[in-house]
Amino acid sequence: MEKLLAAIPWGVLIIACLTLGLAPFQPPHIWEKLQMLVKGQLVRPIDWFDFLLHGTPWLLLAAKAIFALKSS
């Protein structure tokens, strides 16, 4: 996993988070999906797909940051 994350440049992950991770921007889609998850309303398959699609860049960025801090 660390090798995969090391192969992805920081800039690419940050741009992915700012574009795919937040799109559409009013309000950020990932924020809506997180609210639905907390309320227990994330039940339809399309909602889960959307949550994974918009959440993956954030998850990868967090994992890369954790591994970078851990290895330094």
PDB file of N, CA and C in Angstrom:
ATOM      1  N   MET A   1       0.821  -1.187   0.000  1.00  0.00           N
ATOM      2  CA  MET A   1       0.000   0.000   0.000  1.00  0.00           C
ATOM      3  C   MET A   1       0.869   1.257   0.000  1.00  0.00           C
ATOM      4  N   GLU A   2       1.960   1.212   0.784  1.00  0.00           N
ATOM      5  CA  GLU A   2       2.838   2.381   0.840  1.00  0.00           C
ATOM      6  C   GLU A   2       3.467   2.674  -0.517  1.00  0.00           C
ATOM      7  N   LYS A   3       3.826   1.635  -1.260  1.00  0.00           N
ATOM      8  CA  LYS A   3       4.430   1.835  -2.579  1.00  0.00           C
ATOM      9  C   LYS A   3       3.434   2.483  -3.535  1.00  0.00           C
ATOM     10  N   LEU A   4       2.183   2.049  -3.478  1.00  0.00           N
ATOM     11  CA  LEU A   4       1.141   2.628  -4.323  1.00  0.00           C
ATOM     12  C   LEU A   4       0.948   4.107  -3.991  1.00  0.00           C
ATOM     13  N   LEU A   5       0.855   4.420  -2.714  1.00  0.00           N
ATOM     14  CA  LEU A   5       0.667   5.807  -2.301  1.00  0.00           C
ATOM     15  C   LEU A   5       1.889   6.662  -2.625  1.00  0.00           C
ATOM     16  N   ALA A   6       3.077   6.090  -2.510  1.00  0.00           N
ATOM     17  CA  ALA A   6       4.294   6.836  -2.827  1.00  0.00           C
ATOM     18  C   ALA A   6       4.370   7.160  -4.320  1.00  0.00           C
ATOM     19  N   ALA A   7       3.744   6.330  -5.140  1.00  0.00           N
ATOM     20  CA  ALA A   7       3.776   6.545  -6.587  1.00  0.00           C
ATOM     21  C   ALA A   7       2.832   7.663  -7.031  1.00  0.00           C
ATOM     22  N   ILE A   8       1.886   8.025  -6.189  1.00  0.00           N
ATOM     23  CA  ILE A   8       0.931   9.085  -6.533  1.00  0.00           C
ATOM     24  C   ILE A   8       1.489  10.409  -6.016  1.00  0.00           C
ATOM     25  N   PRO A   9       1.714  11.373  -6.901  1.00  0.00           N
ATOM     26  CA  PRO A   9       2.254  12.664  -6.452  1.00  0.00           C
ATOM     27  C   PRO A   9       1.257  13.419  -5.566  1.00  0.00           C
ATOM     28  N   TRP A  10       1.803  14.199  -4.629  1.00  0.00           N
ATOM     29  CA  TRP A  10       0.961  14.990  -3.735  1.00  0.00           C
ATOM     30  C   TRP A  10       0.037  15.918  -4.515  1.00  0.00           C
ATOM     31  N   GLY A  11       0.582  16.557  -5.535  1.00  0.00           N
ATOM     32  CA  GLY A  11      -0.208  17.513  -6.324  1.00  0.00           C
ATOM     33  C   GLY A  11      -1.424  16.883  -6.971  1.00  0.00           C
ATOM     34  N   VAL A  12      -1.252  15.676  -7.467  1.00  0.00           N
ATOM     35  CA  VAL A  12      -2.376  14.977  -8.109  1.00  0.00           C
ATOM     36  C   VAL A  12      -3.475  14.698  -7.080  1.00  0.00           C
ATOM     37  N   LEU A  13      -3.081  14.257  -5.899  1.00  0.00           N
ATOM     38  CA  LEU A  13      -4.074  13.973  -4.857  1.00  0.00           C
ATOM     39  C   LEU A  13      -4.786  15.243  -4.396  1.00  0.00           C
ATOM     40  N   ILE A  14      -4.048  16.316  -4.253  1.00  0.00           N
ATOM     41  CA  ILE A  14      -4.666  17.568  -3.811  1.00  0.00           C
ATOM     42  C   ILE A  14      -5.631  18.087  -4.859  1.00  0.00           C
ATOM     43  N   ILE A  15      -5.252  18.021  -6.125  1.00  0.00           N
ATOM     44  CA  ILE A  15      -6.155  18.465  -7.195  1.00  0.00           C
ATOM     45  C   ILE A  15      -7.383  17.559  -7.275  1.00  0.00           C
ATOM     46  N   ALA A  16      -7.188  16.257  -7.088  1.00  0.00           N
ATOM     47  CA  ALA A  16      -8.323  15.333  -7.093  1.00  0.00           C
ATOM     48  C   ALA A  16      -9.285  15.649  -5.955  1.00  0.00           C
ATOM     49  N   CYS A  17      -8.753  15.982  -4.794  1.00  0.00           N
ATOM     50  CA  CYS A  17      -9.606  16.332  -3.657  1.00  0.00           C
ATOM     51  C   CYS A  17     -10.373  17.619  -3.919  1.00  0.00           C
ATOM     52  N   LEU A  18      -9.706  18.596  -4.512  1.00  0.00           N
ATOM     53  CA  LEU A  18     -10.356  19.885  -4.752  1.00  0.00           C
ATOM     54  C   LEU A  18     -11.349  19.844  -5.903  1.00  0.00           C
ATOM     55  N   THR A  19     -11.193  18.906  -6.817  1.00  0.00           N
ATOM     56  CA  THR A  19     -12.122  18.824  -7.943  1.00  0.00           C
ATOM     57  C   THR A  19     -13.142  17.713  -7.712  1.00  0.00           C
ATOM     58  N   LEU A  20     -12.726  16.479  -7.858  1.00  0.00           N
ATOM     59  CA  LEU A  20     -13.640  15.348  -7.706  1.00  0.00           C
ATOM     60  C   LEU A  20     -14.149  15.218  -6.275  1.00  0.00           C
ATOM     61  N   GLY A  21     -13.289  15.494  -5.310  1.00  0.00           N
ATOM     62  CA  GLY A  21     -13.678  15.349  -3.915  1.00  0.00           C
ATOM     63  C   GLY A  21     -14.713  16.350  -3.452  1.00  0.00           C
ATOM     64  N   LEU A  22     -14.761  17.519  -4.069  1.00  0.00           N
ATOM     65  CA  LEU A  22     -15.714  18.552  -3.651  1.00  0.00           C
ATOM     66  C   LEU A  22     -16.837  18.802  -4.642  1.00  0.00           C
ATOM     67  N   ALA A  23     -16.706  18.342  -5.867  1.00  0.00           N
ATOM     68  CA  ALA A  23     -17.719  18.617  -6.894  1.00  0.00           C
ATOM     69  C   ALA A  23     -19.030  17.913  -6.570  1.00  0.00           C
ATOM     70  N   PRO A  24     -20.165  18.440  -6.873  1.00  0.00           N
ATOM     71  CA  PRO A  24     -20.437  19.849  -7.174  1.00  0.00           C
ATOM     72  C   PRO A  24     -20.169  20.709  -5.944  1.00  0.00           C
ATOM     73  N   PHE A  25     -19.865  21.963  -6.156  1.00  0.00           N
ATOM     74  CA  PHE A  25     -19.279  22.789  -5.111  1.00  0.00           C
ATOM     75  C   PHE A  25     -20.262  23.486  -4.188  1.00  0.00           C
ATOM     76  N   GLN A  26     -21.515  23.568  -4.542  1.00  0.00           N
ATOM     77  CA  GLN A  26     -22.502  24.266  -3.710  1.00  0.00           C
ATOM     78  C   GLN A  26     -23.617  23.354  -3.293  1.00  0.00           C
ATOM     79  N   PRO A  27     -23.694  22.776  -2.163  1.00  0.00           N
ATOM     80  CA  PRO A  27     -22.625  22.541  -1.195  1.00  0.00           C
ATOM     81  C   PRO A  27     -21.765  21.372  -1.661  1.00  0.00           C
ATOM     82  N   PRO A  28     -20.583  21.193  -1.067  1.00  0.00           N
ATOM     83  CA  PRO A  28     -19.732  20.067  -1.485  1.00  0.00           C
ATOM     84  C   PRO A  28     -20.467  18.731  -1.352  1.00  0.00           C
ATOM     85  N   HIS A  29     -20.404  17.938  -2.389  1.00  0.00           N
ATOM     86  CA  HIS A  29     -21.153  16.685  -2.463  1.00  0.00           C
ATOM     87  C   HIS A  29     -20.728  15.707  -1.369  1.00  0.00           C
ATOM     88  N   ILE A  30     -19.437  15.671  -1.080  1.00  0.00           N
ATOM     89  CA  ILE A  30     -18.962  14.742  -0.055  1.00  0.00           C
ATOM     90  C   ILE A  30     -19.550  15.117   1.299  1.00  0.00           C
ATOM     91  N   TRP A  31     -19.742  16.421   1.553  1.00  0.00           N
ATOM     92  CA  TRP A  31     -20.333  16.860   2.804  1.00  0.00           C
ATOM     93  C   TRP A  31     -21.782  16.362   2.912  1.00  0.00           C
ATOM     94  N   GLU A  32     -22.526  16.463   1.818  1.00  0.00           N
ATOM     95  CA  GLU A  32     -23.903  15.953   1.809  1.00  0.00           C
ATOM     96  C   GLU A  32     -23.937  14.454   2.083  1.00  0.00           C
ATOM     97  N   LYS A  33     -23.020  13.717   1.468  1.00  0.00           N
ATOM     98  CA  LYS A  33     -22.995  12.259   1.648  1.00  0.00           C
ATOM     99  C   LYS A  33     -22.581  11.888   3.073  1.00  0.00           C
ATOM    100  N   LEU A  34     -21.663  12.641   3.662  1.00  0.00           N
ATOM    101  CA  LEU A  34     -21.276  12.386   5.052  1.00  0.00           C
ATOM    102  C   LEU A  34     -22.446  12.642   5.998  1.00  0.00           C
ATOM    103  N   GLN A  35     -23.215  13.698   5.723  1.00  0.00           N
ATOM    104  CA  GLN A  35     -24.401  13.975   6.536  1.00  0.00           C
ATOM    105  C   GLN A  35     -25.427  12.860   6.394  1.00  0.00           C
ATOM    106  N   MET A  36     -25.612  12.371   5.176  1.00  0.00           N
ATOM    107  CA  MET A  36     -26.538  11.263   4.957  1.00  0.00           C
ATOM    108  C   MET A  36     -26.072  10.015   5.697  1.00  0.00           C
ATOM    109  N   LEU A  37     -24.761   9.763   5.702  1.00  0.00           N
ATOM    110  CA  LEU A  37     -24.211   8.603   6.394  1.00  0.00           C
ATOM    111  C   LEU A  37     -24.482   8.689   7.895  1.00  0.00           C
ATOM    112  N   VAL A  38     -24.248   9.854   8.479  1.00  0.00           N
ATOM    113  CA  VAL A  38     -24.458  10.046   9.908  1.00  0.00           C
ATOM    114  C   VAL A  38     -25.935   9.882  10.270  1.00  0.00           C
ATOM    115  N   LYS A  39     -26.834  10.363   9.404  1.00  0.00           N
ATOM    116  CA  LYS A  39     -28.275  10.283   9.660  1.00  0.00           C
ATOM    117  C   LYS A  39     -28.861   8.911   9.329  1.00  0.00           C
ATOM    118  N   GLY A  40     -28.062   8.039   8.715  1.00  0.00           N
ATOM    119  CA  GLY A  40     -28.556   6.724   8.333  1.00  0.00           C
ATOM    120  C   GLY A  40     -29.393   6.733   7.069  1.00  0.00           C
ATOM    121  N   GLN A  41     -29.226   7.762   6.252  1.00  0.00           N
ATOM    122  CA  GLN A  41     -30.011   7.895   5.023  1.00  0.00           C
ATOM    123  C   GLN A  41     -29.243   7.443   3.782  1.00  0.00           C
ATOM    124  N   LEU A  42     -28.068   6.947   3.944  1.00  0.00           N
ATOM    125  CA  LEU A  42     -27.255   6.507   2.812  1.00  0.00           C
ATOM    126  C   LEU A  42     -27.597   5.050   2.523  1.00  0.00           C
ATOM    127  N   VAL A  43     -28.719   4.831   1.845  1.00  0.00           N
ATOM    128  CA  VAL A  43     -29.234   3.470   1.669  1.00  0.00           C
ATOM    129  C   VAL A  43     -29.272   3.007   0.220  1.00  0.00           C
ATOM    130  N   ARG A  44     -29.413   3.931  -0.705  1.00  0.00           N
ATOM    131  CA  ARG A  44     -29.494   3.530  -2.109  1.00  0.00           C
ATOM    132  C   ARG A  44     -28.103   3.234  -2.664  1.00  0.00           C
ATOM    133  N   PRO A  45     -27.987   2.273  -3.569  1.00  0.00           N
ATOM    134  CA  PRO A  45     -26.672   1.951  -4.160  1.00  0.00           C
ATOM    135  C   PRO A  45     -26.010   3.153  -4.831  1.00  0.00           C
ATOM    136  N   ILE A  46     -26.792   4.015  -5.469  1.00  0.00           N
ATOM    137  CA  ILE A  46     -26.203   5.183  -6.132  1.00  0.00           C
ATOM    138  C   ILE A  46     -25.592   6.136  -5.109  1.00  0.00           C
ATOM    139  N   ASP A  47     -26.184   6.211  -3.916  1.00  0.00           N
ATOM    140  CA  ASP A  47     -25.630   7.051  -2.857  1.00  0.00           C
ATOM    141  C   ASP A  47     -24.298   6.502  -2.360  1.00  0.00           C
ATOM    142  N   TRP A  48     -24.208   5.186  -2.220  1.00  0.00           N
ATOM    143  CA  TRP A  48     -22.949   4.564  -1.791  1.00  0.00           C
ATOM    144  C   TRP A  48     -21.873   4.747  -2.858  1.00  0.00           C
ATOM    145  N   PHE A  49     -22.251   4.576  -4.124  1.00  0.00           N
ATOM    146  CA  PHE A  49     -21.302   4.791  -5.214  1.00  0.00           C
ATOM    147  C   PHE A  49     -20.795   6.231  -5.196  1.00  0.00           C
ATOM    148  N   ASP A  50     -21.706   7.164  -5.044  1.00  0.00           N
ATOM    149  CA  ASP A  50     -21.352   8.582  -4.985  1.00  0.00           C
ATOM    150  C   ASP A  50     -20.425   8.868  -3.809  1.00  0.00           C
ATOM    151  N   PHE A  51     -20.736   8.282  -2.665  1.00  0.00           N
ATOM    152  CA  PHE A  51     -19.917   8.458  -1.470  1.00  0.00           C
ATOM    153  C   PHE A  51     -18.495   7.941  -1.702  1.00  0.00           C
ATOM    154  N   LEU A  52     -18.386   6.772  -2.298  1.00  0.00           N
ATOM    155  CA  LEU A  52     -17.060   6.206  -2.588  1.00  0.00           C
ATOM    156  C   LEU A  52     -16.318   7.017  -3.647  1.00  0.00           C
ATOM    157  N   LEU A  53     -17.030   7.449  -4.670  1.00  0.00           N
ATOM    158  CA  LEU A  53     -16.415   8.220  -5.746  1.00  0.00           C
ATOM    159  C   LEU A  53     -15.841   9.534  -5.229  1.00  0.00           C
ATOM    160  N   HIS A  54     -16.616  10.264  -4.448  1.00  0.00           N
ATOM    161  CA  HIS A  54     -16.171  11.564  -3.963  1.00  0.00           C
ATOM    162  C   HIS A  54     -15.275  11.452  -2.734  1.00  0.00           C
ATOM    163  N   GLY A  55     -15.326  10.325  -2.035  1.00  0.00           N
ATOM    164  CA  GLY A  55     -14.522  10.153  -0.834  1.00  0.00           C
ATOM    165  C   GLY A  55     -13.152   9.547  -1.064  1.00  0.00           C
ATOM    166  N   THR A  56     -12.971   8.832  -2.161  1.00  0.00           N
ATOM    167  CA  THR A  56     -11.703   8.158  -2.430  1.00  0.00           C
ATOM    168  C   THR A  56     -10.505   9.110  -2.474  1.00  0.00           C
ATOM    169  N   PRO A  57     -10.588  10.263  -3.143  1.00  0.00           N
ATOM    170  CA  PRO A  57      -9.419  11.159  -3.122  1.00  0.00           C
ATOM    171  C   PRO A  57      -9.038  11.593  -1.705  1.00  0.00           C
ATOM    172  N   TRP A  58     -10.029  11.860  -0.873  1.00  0.00           N
ATOM    173  CA  TRP A  58      -9.757  12.273   0.510  1.00  0.00           C
ATOM    174  C   TRP A  58      -9.128  11.140   1.304  1.00  0.00           C
ATOM    175  N   LEU A  59      -9.614   9.943   1.093  1.00  0.00           N
ATOM    176  CA  LEU A  59      -9.069   8.780   1.787  1.00  0.00           C
ATOM    177  C   LEU A  59      -7.612   8.544   1.378  1.00  0.00           C
ATOM    178  N   LEU A  60      -7.330   8.634   0.089  1.00  0.00           N
ATOM    179  CA  LEU A  60      -5.961   8.456  -0.390  1.00  0.00           C
ATOM    180  C   LEU A  60      -5.033   9.548   0.137  1.00  0.00           C
ATOM    181  N   LEU A  61      -5.518  10.791   0.167  1.00  0.00           N
ATOM    182  CA  LEU A  61      -4.707  11.891   0.684  1.00  0.00           C
ATOM    183  C   LEU A  61      -4.401  11.688   2.164  1.00  0.00           C
ATOM    184  N   ALA A  62      -5.391  11.282   2.929  1.00  0.00           N
ATOM    185  CA  ALA A  62      -5.180  11.040   4.358  1.00  0.00           C
ATOM    186  C   ALA A  62      -4.205   9.883   4.579  1.00  0.00           C
ATOM    187  N   ALA A  63      -4.364   8.816   3.815  1.00  0.00           N
ATOM    188  CA  ALA A  63      -3.466   7.663   3.962  1.00  0.00           C
ATOM    189  C   ALA A  63      -2.032   8.040   3.589  1.00  0.00           C
ATOM    190  N   LYS A  64      -1.866   8.809   2.517  1.00  0.00           N
ATOM    191  CA  LYS A  64      -0.522   9.230   2.099  1.00  0.00           C
ATOM    192  C   LYS A  64       0.107  10.108   3.182  1.00  0.00           C
ATOM    193  N   ALA A  65      -0.677  10.993   3.772  1.00  0.00           N
ATOM    194  CA  ALA A  65      -0.161  11.866   4.840  1.00  0.00           C
ATOM    195  C   ALA A  65       0.237  11.053   6.059  1.00  0.00           C
ATOM    196  N   ILE A  66      -0.574  10.084   6.425  1.00  0.00           N
ATOM    197  CA  ILE A  66      -0.265   9.244   7.586  1.00  0.00           C
ATOM    198  C   ILE A  66       1.020   8.452   7.353  1.00  0.00           C
ATOM    199  N   PHE A  67       1.147   7.834   6.180  1.00  0.00           N
ATOM    200  CA  PHE A  67       2.356   7.077   5.873  1.00  0.00           C
ATOM    201  C   PHE A  67       3.576   7.992   5.802  1.00  0.00           C
ATOM    202  N   ALA A  68       3.410   9.211   5.288  1.00  0.00           N
ATOM    203  CA  ALA A  68       4.535  10.143   5.204  1.00  0.00           C
ATOM    204  C   ALA A  68       4.984  10.567   6.596  1.00  0.00           C
ATOM    205  N   LEU A  69       4.042  10.840   7.471  1.00  0.00           N
ATOM    206  CA  LEU A  69       4.391  11.225   8.848  1.00  0.00           C
ATOM    207  C   LEU A  69       4.994  10.065   9.613  1.00  0.00           C
ATOM    208  N   LYS A  70       4.476   8.870   9.356  1.00  0.00           N
ATOM    209  CA  LYS A  70       4.960   7.684  10.041  1.00  0.00           C
ATOM    210  C   LYS A  70       6.403   7.347   9.632  1.00  0.00           C
ATOM    211  N   SER A  71       6.729   7.548   8.379  1.00  0.00           N
ATOM    212  CA  SER A  71       8.058   7.169   7.891  1.00  0.00           C
ATOM    213  C   SER A  71       9.124   8.240   8.140  1.00  0.00           C
ATOM    214  N   SER A  72       8.689   9.453   8.502  1.00  0.00           N
ATOM    215  CA  SER A  72       9.704  10.500   8.730  1.00  0.00           C
ATOM    216  C   SER A  72      10.166  10.567  10.162  1.00  0.00           C
TER     217      SER A  72
END
